[in-house]
């Protein structure tokens, strides 16, 4: 299970920076990130990136749901 584990606010900030770095790197590698290639630039997606994002969200919304401990 993924989650946040930080003892201080600086630890949380570091964790967020790490996650954003990973996200940007993956988007660049897949050619889904539009605009400037800089860690200070705002995130923006290409048209293909937007289509991929919407497709992934739809697939997640339509997947079967499993509830543990019910029944």
PDB file of N, CA and C in Angstrom:
ATOM      1  N   UNK A   1       0.842  -1.174   0.000  1.00  0.00           N
ATOM      2  CA  UNK A   1       0.000   0.000   0.000  1.00  0.00           C
ATOM      3  C   UNK A   1       0.892   1.243   0.000  1.00  0.00           C
ATOM      4  N   UNK A   2       0.566   2.202  -0.833  1.00  0.00           N
ATOM      5  CA  UNK A   2       1.348   3.428  -0.887  1.00  0.00           C
ATOM      6  C   UNK A   2       0.747   4.439   0.077  1.00  0.00           C
ATOM      7  N   UNK A   3       1.583   5.325   0.555  1.00  0.00           N
ATOM      8  CA  UNK A   3       1.101   6.350   1.466  1.00  0.00           C
ATOM      9  C   UNK A   3       2.207   7.289   1.840  1.00  0.00           C
ATOM     10  N   UNK A   4       1.896   8.286   2.633  1.00  0.00           N
ATOM     11  CA  UNK A   4       2.859   9.287   3.074  1.00  0.00           C
ATOM     12  C   UNK A   4       3.349   8.925   4.465  1.00  0.00           C
ATOM     13  N   UNK A   5       4.640   9.048   4.661  1.00  0.00           N
ATOM     14  CA  UNK A   5       5.226   8.836   5.975  1.00  0.00           C
ATOM     15  C   UNK A   5       6.272   9.915   6.182  1.00  0.00           C
ATOM     16  N   UNK A   6       5.939  10.904   6.977  1.00  0.00           N
ATOM     17  CA  UNK A   6       6.890  11.985   7.227  1.00  0.00           C
ATOM     18  C   UNK A   6       6.726  12.448   8.663  1.00  0.00           C
ATOM     19  N   UNK A   7       7.857  12.608   9.354  1.00  0.00           N
ATOM     20  CA  UNK A   7       7.813  13.027  10.739  1.00  0.00           C
ATOM     21  C   UNK A   7       7.698  14.534  10.895  1.00  0.00           C
ATOM     22  N   UNK A   8       8.183  15.282   9.907  1.00  0.00           N
ATOM     23  CA  UNK A   8       8.144  16.734   9.988  1.00  0.00           C
ATOM     24  C   UNK A   8       7.609  17.304   8.697  1.00  0.00           C
ATOM     25  N   UNK A   9       7.309  18.587   8.701  1.00  0.00           N
ATOM     26  CA  UNK A   9       6.810  19.224   7.482  1.00  0.00           C
ATOM     27  C   UNK A   9       7.876  19.234   6.397  1.00  0.00           C
ATOM     28  N   UNK A  10       9.161  19.349   6.773  1.00  0.00           N
ATOM     29  CA  UNK A  10      10.219  19.307   5.763  1.00  0.00           C
ATOM     30  C   UNK A  10      10.318  17.918   5.155  1.00  0.00           C
ATOM     31  N   UNK A  11      10.040  16.896   5.944  1.00  0.00           N
ATOM     32  CA  UNK A  11      10.014  15.526   5.426  1.00  0.00           C
ATOM     33  C   UNK A  11       8.883  15.346   4.422  1.00  0.00           C
ATOM     34  N   UNK A  12       7.737  15.940   4.705  1.00  0.00           N
ATOM     35  CA  UNK A  12       6.603  15.870   3.794  1.00  0.00           C
ATOM     36  C   UNK A  12       6.918  16.614   2.508  1.00  0.00           C
ATOM     37  N   UNK A  13       7.516  17.795   2.619  1.00  0.00           N
ATOM     38  CA  UNK A  13       7.877  18.572   1.436  1.00  0.00           C
ATOM     39  C   UNK A  13       8.854  17.793   0.563  1.00  0.00           C
ATOM     40  N   UNK A  14       9.800  17.131   1.184  1.00  0.00           N
ATOM     41  CA  UNK A  14      10.764  16.319   0.449  1.00  0.00           C
ATOM     42  C   UNK A  14      10.070  15.162  -0.265  1.00  0.00           C
ATOM     43  N   UNK A  15       9.117  14.529   0.401  1.00  0.00           N
ATOM     44  CA  UNK A  15       8.376  13.424  -0.198  1.00  0.00           C
ATOM     45  C   UNK A  15       7.563  13.897  -1.399  1.00  0.00           C
ATOM     46  N   UNK A  16       6.949  15.073  -1.284  1.00  0.00           N
ATOM     47  CA  UNK A  16       6.162  15.631  -2.387  1.00  0.00           C
ATOM     48  C   UNK A  16       7.077  15.952  -3.562  1.00  0.00           C
ATOM     49  N   UNK A  17       8.233  16.580  -3.303  1.00  0.00           N
ATOM     50  CA  UNK A  17       9.185  16.885  -4.374  1.00  0.00           C
ATOM     51  C   UNK A  17       9.633  15.623  -5.092  1.00  0.00           C
ATOM     52  N   UNK A  18       9.887  14.563  -4.342  1.00  0.00           N
ATOM     53  CA  UNK A  18      10.310  13.299  -4.935  1.00  0.00           C
ATOM     54  C   UNK A  18       9.222  12.728  -5.843  1.00  0.00           C
ATOM     55  N   UNK A  19       7.984  12.759  -5.378  1.00  0.00           N
ATOM     56  CA  UNK A  19       6.873  12.251  -6.188  1.00  0.00           C
ATOM     57  C   UNK A  19       6.680  13.081  -7.458  1.00  0.00           C
ATOM     58  N   UNK A  20       6.786  14.405  -7.346  1.00  0.00           N
ATOM     59  CA  UNK A  20       6.642  15.261  -8.525  1.00  0.00           C
ATOM     60  C   UNK A  20       7.782  15.039  -9.511  1.00  0.00           C
ATOM     61  N   UNK A  21       8.997  14.835  -9.009  1.00  0.00           N
ATOM     62  CA  UNK A  21      10.134  14.548  -9.876  1.00  0.00           C
ATOM     63  C   UNK A  21       9.872  13.257 -10.660  1.00  0.00           C
ATOM     64  N   UNK A  22       9.411  12.225  -9.970  1.00  0.00           N
ATOM     65  CA  UNK A  22       9.122  10.949 -10.611  1.00  0.00           C
ATOM     66  C   UNK A  22       8.031  11.098 -11.664  1.00  0.00           C
ATOM     67  N   UNK A  23       6.972  11.841 -11.332  1.00  0.00           N
ATOM     68  CA  UNK A  23       5.878  12.065 -12.270  1.00  0.00           C
ATOM     69  C   UNK A  23       6.372  12.790 -13.518  1.00  0.00           C
ATOM     70  N   UNK A  24       7.126  13.884 -13.347  1.00  0.00           N
ATOM     71  CA  UNK A  24       7.659  14.632 -14.499  1.00  0.00           C
ATOM     72  C   UNK A  24       8.547  13.750 -15.361  1.00  0.00           C
ATOM     73  N   UNK A  25       9.417  12.967 -14.732  1.00  0.00           N
ATOM     74  CA  UNK A  25      10.322  12.096 -15.474  1.00  0.00           C
ATOM     75  C   UNK A  25       9.535  11.100 -16.328  1.00  0.00           C
ATOM     76  N   UNK A  26       8.516  10.493 -15.762  1.00  0.00           N
ATOM     77  CA  UNK A  26       7.707   9.526 -16.505  1.00  0.00           C
ATOM     78  C   UNK A  26       6.947  10.194 -17.645  1.00  0.00           C
ATOM     79  N   UNK A  27       6.390  11.379 -17.394  1.00  0.00           N
ATOM     80  CA  UNK A  27       5.671  12.097 -18.455  1.00  0.00           C
ATOM     81  C   UNK A  27       6.609  12.470 -19.594  1.00  0.00           C
ATOM     82  N   UNK A  28       7.829  12.934 -19.272  1.00  0.00           N
ATOM     83  CA  UNK A  28       8.810  13.256 -20.318  1.00  0.00           C
ATOM     84  C   UNK A  28       9.162  12.011 -21.120  1.00  0.00           C
ATOM     85  N   UNK A  29       9.404  10.904 -20.430  1.00  0.00           N
ATOM     86  CA  UNK A  29       9.805   9.664 -21.097  1.00  0.00           C
ATOM     87  C   UNK A  29       8.729   9.167 -22.064  1.00  0.00           C
ATOM     88  N   UNK A  30       7.474   9.396 -21.729  1.00  0.00           N
ATOM     89  CA  UNK A  30       6.354   8.965 -22.567  1.00  0.00           C
ATOM     90  C   UNK A  30       5.922  10.029 -23.570  1.00  0.00           C
ATOM     91  N   UNK A  31       6.626  11.166 -23.609  1.00  0.00           N
ATOM     92  CA  UNK A  31       6.303  12.294 -24.501  1.00  0.00           C
ATOM     93  C   UNK A  31       4.880  12.807 -24.271  1.00  0.00           C
ATOM     94  N   UNK A  32       4.471  12.843 -23.014  1.00  0.00           N
ATOM     95  CA  UNK A  32       3.136  13.321 -22.656  1.00  0.00           C
ATOM     96  C   UNK A  32       3.172  14.696 -21.994  1.00  0.00           C
ATOM     97  N   UNK A  33       4.360  15.179 -21.694  1.00  0.00           N
ATOM     98  CA  UNK A  33       4.499  16.467 -21.015  1.00  0.00           C
ATOM     99  C   UNK A  33       4.754  17.549 -22.054  1.00  0.00           C
ATOM    100  N   UNK A  34       3.895  18.569 -22.050  1.00  0.00           N
ATOM    101  CA  UNK A  34       4.057  19.673 -22.982  1.00  0.00           C
ATOM    102  C   UNK A  34       4.764  20.834 -22.323  1.00  0.00           C
ATOM    103  N   UNK A  35       5.082  21.813 -23.110  1.00  0.00           N
ATOM    104  CA  UNK A  35       5.690  23.028 -22.577  1.00  0.00           C
ATOM    105  C   UNK A  35       7.164  22.871 -22.280  1.00  0.00           C
ATOM    106  N   UNK A  36       7.633  23.722 -21.426  1.00  0.00           N
ATOM    107  CA  UNK A  36       9.048  23.817 -21.072  1.00  0.00           C
ATOM    108  C   UNK A  36       9.497  22.623 -20.231  1.00  0.00           C
ATOM    109  N   UNK A  37      10.720  22.151 -20.497  1.00  0.00           N
ATOM    110  CA  UNK A  37      11.262  21.037 -19.714  1.00  0.00           C
ATOM    111  C   UNK A  37      12.089  21.594 -18.568  1.00  0.00           C
ATOM    112  N   UNK A  38      11.401  21.960 -17.508  1.00  0.00           N
ATOM    113  CA  UNK A  38      12.043  22.547 -16.338  1.00  0.00           C
ATOM    114  C   UNK A  38      11.244  22.150 -15.109  1.00  0.00           C
ATOM    115  N   UNK A  39      11.961  21.933 -14.010  1.00  0.00           N
ATOM    116  CA  UNK A  39      11.257  21.549 -12.784  1.00  0.00           C
ATOM    117  C   UNK A  39      10.549  22.721 -12.132  1.00  0.00           C
ATOM    118  N   UNK A  40      10.824  23.934 -12.594  1.00  0.00           N
ATOM    119  CA  UNK A  40      10.121  25.093 -12.055  1.00  0.00           C
ATOM    120  C   UNK A  40       8.915  25.473 -12.912  1.00  0.00           C
ATOM    121  N   UNK A  41       8.820  24.893 -14.108  1.00  0.00           N
ATOM    122  CA  UNK A  41       7.693  25.185 -15.005  1.00  0.00           C
ATOM    123  C   UNK A  41       6.453  24.434 -14.522  1.00  0.00           C
ATOM    124  N   UNK A  42       5.279  25.011 -14.738  1.00  0.00           N
ATOM    125  CA  UNK A  42       4.053  24.297 -14.364  1.00  0.00           C
ATOM    126  C   UNK A  42       3.871  23.052 -15.237  1.00  0.00           C
ATOM    127  N   UNK A  43       3.229  22.048 -14.673  1.00  0.00           N
ATOM    128  CA  UNK A  43       2.954  20.837 -15.445  1.00  0.00           C
ATOM    129  C   UNK A  43       1.872  21.126 -16.476  1.00  0.00           C
ATOM    130  N   UNK A  44       2.118  20.735 -17.714  1.00  0.00           N
ATOM    131  CA  UNK A  44       1.088  20.819 -18.742  1.00  0.00           C
ATOM    132  C   UNK A  44       1.240  19.602 -19.638  1.00  0.00           C
ATOM    133  N   UNK A  45       0.125  19.062 -20.057  1.00  0.00           N
ATOM    134  CA  UNK A  45       0.130  17.846 -20.856  1.00  0.00           C
ATOM    135  C   UNK A  45      -0.076  18.163 -22.331  1.00  0.00           C
ATOM    136  N   UNK A  46       0.459  17.299 -23.191  1.00  0.00           N
ATOM    137  CA  UNK A  46       0.182  17.385 -24.615  1.00  0.00           C
ATOM    138  C   UNK A  46      -1.243  16.889 -24.838  1.00  0.00           C
ATOM    139  N   UNK A  47      -1.733  17.015 -26.077  1.00  0.00           N
ATOM    140  CA  UNK A  47      -3.075  16.492 -26.375  1.00  0.00           C
ATOM    141  C   UNK A  47      -3.127  14.982 -26.137  1.00  0.00           C
ATOM    142  N   UNK A  48      -2.052  14.300 -26.498  1.00  0.00           N
ATOM    143  CA  UNK A  48      -1.979  12.851 -26.256  1.00  0.00           C
ATOM    144  C   UNK A  48      -1.963  12.568 -24.752  1.00  0.00           C
ATOM    145  N   UNK A  49      -1.259  13.396 -23.984  1.00  0.00           N
ATOM    146  CA  UNK A  49      -1.211  13.243 -22.540  1.00  0.00           C
ATOM    147  C   UNK A  49      -2.579  13.412 -21.899  1.00  0.00           C
ATOM    148  N   UNK A  50      -3.331  14.380 -22.390  1.00  0.00           N
ATOM    149  CA  UNK A  50      -4.691  14.602 -21.873  1.00  0.00           C
ATOM    150  C   UNK A  50      -5.572  13.403 -22.194  1.00  0.00           C
ATOM    151  N   UNK A  51      -5.488  12.902 -23.423  1.00  0.00           N
ATOM    152  CA  UNK A  51      -6.291  11.742 -23.816  1.00  0.00           C
ATOM    153  C   UNK A  51      -5.918  10.515 -22.976  1.00  0.00           C
ATOM    154  N   UNK A  52      -4.624  10.312 -22.738  1.00  0.00           N
ATOM    155  CA  UNK A  52      -4.182   9.173 -21.925  1.00  0.00           C
ATOM    156  C   UNK A  52      -4.675   9.298 -20.486  1.00  0.00           C
ATOM    157  N   UNK A  53      -4.628  10.497 -19.951  1.00  0.00           N
ATOM    158  CA  UNK A  53      -5.096  10.737 -18.583  1.00  0.00           C
ATOM    159  C   UNK A  53      -6.584  10.452 -18.449  1.00  0.00           C
ATOM    160  N   UNK A  54      -7.370  10.969 -19.389  1.00  0.00           N
ATOM    161  CA  UNK A  54      -8.816  10.737 -19.342  1.00  0.00           C
ATOM    162  C   UNK A  54      -9.141   9.257 -19.508  1.00  0.00           C
ATOM    163  N   UNK A  55      -8.403   8.570 -20.376  1.00  0.00           N
ATOM    164  CA  UNK A  55      -8.619   7.137 -20.568  1.00  0.00           C
ATOM    165  C   UNK A  55      -8.305   6.355 -19.294  1.00  0.00           C
ATOM    166  N   UNK A  56      -7.208   6.707 -18.622  1.00  0.00           N
ATOM    167  CA  UNK A  56      -6.840   6.028 -17.375  1.00  0.00           C
ATOM    168  C   UNK A  56      -7.866   6.287 -16.280  1.00  0.00           C
ATOM    169  N   UNK A  57      -8.349   7.519 -16.182  1.00  0.00           N
ATOM    170  CA  UNK A  57      -9.367   7.834 -15.173  1.00  0.00           C
ATOM    171  C   UNK A  57     -10.663   7.081 -15.438  1.00  0.00           C
ATOM    172  N   UNK A  58     -11.049   6.996 -16.701  1.00  0.00           N
ATOM    173  CA  UNK A  58     -12.262   6.262 -17.055  1.00  0.00           C
ATOM    174  C   UNK A  58     -12.113   4.780 -16.726  1.00  0.00           C
ATOM    175  N   UNK A  59     -10.962   4.204 -17.064  1.00  0.00           N
ATOM    176  CA  UNK A  59     -10.737   2.783 -16.772  1.00  0.00           C
ATOM    177  C   UNK A  59     -10.791   2.531 -15.270  1.00  0.00           C
ATOM    178  N   UNK A  60     -10.230   3.438 -14.486  1.00  0.00           N
ATOM    179  CA  UNK A  60     -10.255   3.273 -13.027  1.00  0.00           C
ATOM    180  C   UNK A  60     -11.679   3.405 -12.484  1.00  0.00           C
ATOM    181  N   UNK A  61     -12.440   4.327 -13.045  1.00  0.00           N
ATOM    182  CA  UNK A  61     -13.820   4.538 -12.584  1.00  0.00           C
ATOM    183  C   UNK A  61     -14.719   3.346 -12.917  1.00  0.00           C
ATOM    184  N   UNK A  62     -14.426   2.666 -14.013  1.00  0.00           N
ATOM    185  CA  UNK A  62     -15.291   1.571 -14.461  1.00  0.00           C
ATOM    186  C   UNK A  62     -14.851   0.191 -13.986  1.00  0.00           C
ATOM    187  N   UNK A  63     -13.707   0.111 -13.310  1.00  0.00           N
ATOM    188  CA  UNK A  63     -13.226  -1.200 -12.881  1.00  0.00           C
ATOM    189  C   UNK A  63     -14.116  -1.757 -11.763  1.00  0.00           C
ATOM    190  N   UNK A  64     -14.100  -3.073 -11.613  1.00  0.00           N
ATOM    191  CA  UNK A  64     -14.893  -3.680 -10.533  1.00  0.00           C
ATOM    192  C   UNK A  64     -14.388  -3.228  -9.165  1.00  0.00           C
ATOM    193  N   UNK A  65     -15.298  -3.082  -8.258  1.00  0.00           N
ATOM    194  CA  UNK A  65     -14.940  -2.672  -6.905  1.00  0.00           C
ATOM    195  C   UNK A  65     -15.029  -3.872  -5.979  1.00  0.00           C
ATOM    196  N   UNK A  66     -14.049  -3.993  -5.125  1.00  0.00           N
ATOM    197  CA  UNK A  66     -14.015  -5.087  -4.154  1.00  0.00           C
ATOM    198  C   UNK A  66     -13.993  -4.486  -2.768  1.00  0.00           C
ATOM    199  N   UNK A  67     -14.929  -4.889  -1.949  1.00  0.00           N
ATOM    200  CA  UNK A  67     -14.993  -4.392  -0.583  1.00  0.00           C
ATOM    201  C   UNK A  67     -14.558  -5.506   0.367  1.00  0.00           C
ATOM    202  N   UNK A  68     -13.574  -5.226   1.168  1.00  0.00           N
ATOM    203  CA  UNK A  68     -13.091  -6.212   2.122  1.00  0.00           C
ATOM    204  C   UNK A  68     -13.948  -6.186   3.386  1.00  0.00           C
ATOM    205  N   UNK A  69     -14.190  -7.334   3.922  1.00  0.00           N
ATOM    206  CA  UNK A  69     -14.887  -7.425   5.192  1.00  0.00           C
ATOM    207  C   UNK A  69     -16.381  -7.241   5.119  1.00  0.00           C
ATOM    208  N   UNK A  70     -16.954  -7.246   3.927  1.00  0.00           N
ATOM    209  CA  UNK A  70     -18.404  -7.106   3.788  1.00  0.00           C
ATOM    210  C   UNK A  70     -18.995  -8.493   3.557  1.00  0.00           C
ATOM    211  N   UNK A  71     -20.038  -8.782   4.272  1.00  0.00           N
ATOM    212  CA  UNK A  71     -20.707 -10.058   4.029  1.00  0.00           C
ATOM    213  C   UNK A  71     -20.561 -10.956   5.132  1.00  0.00           C
TER     214      UNK A  71
END
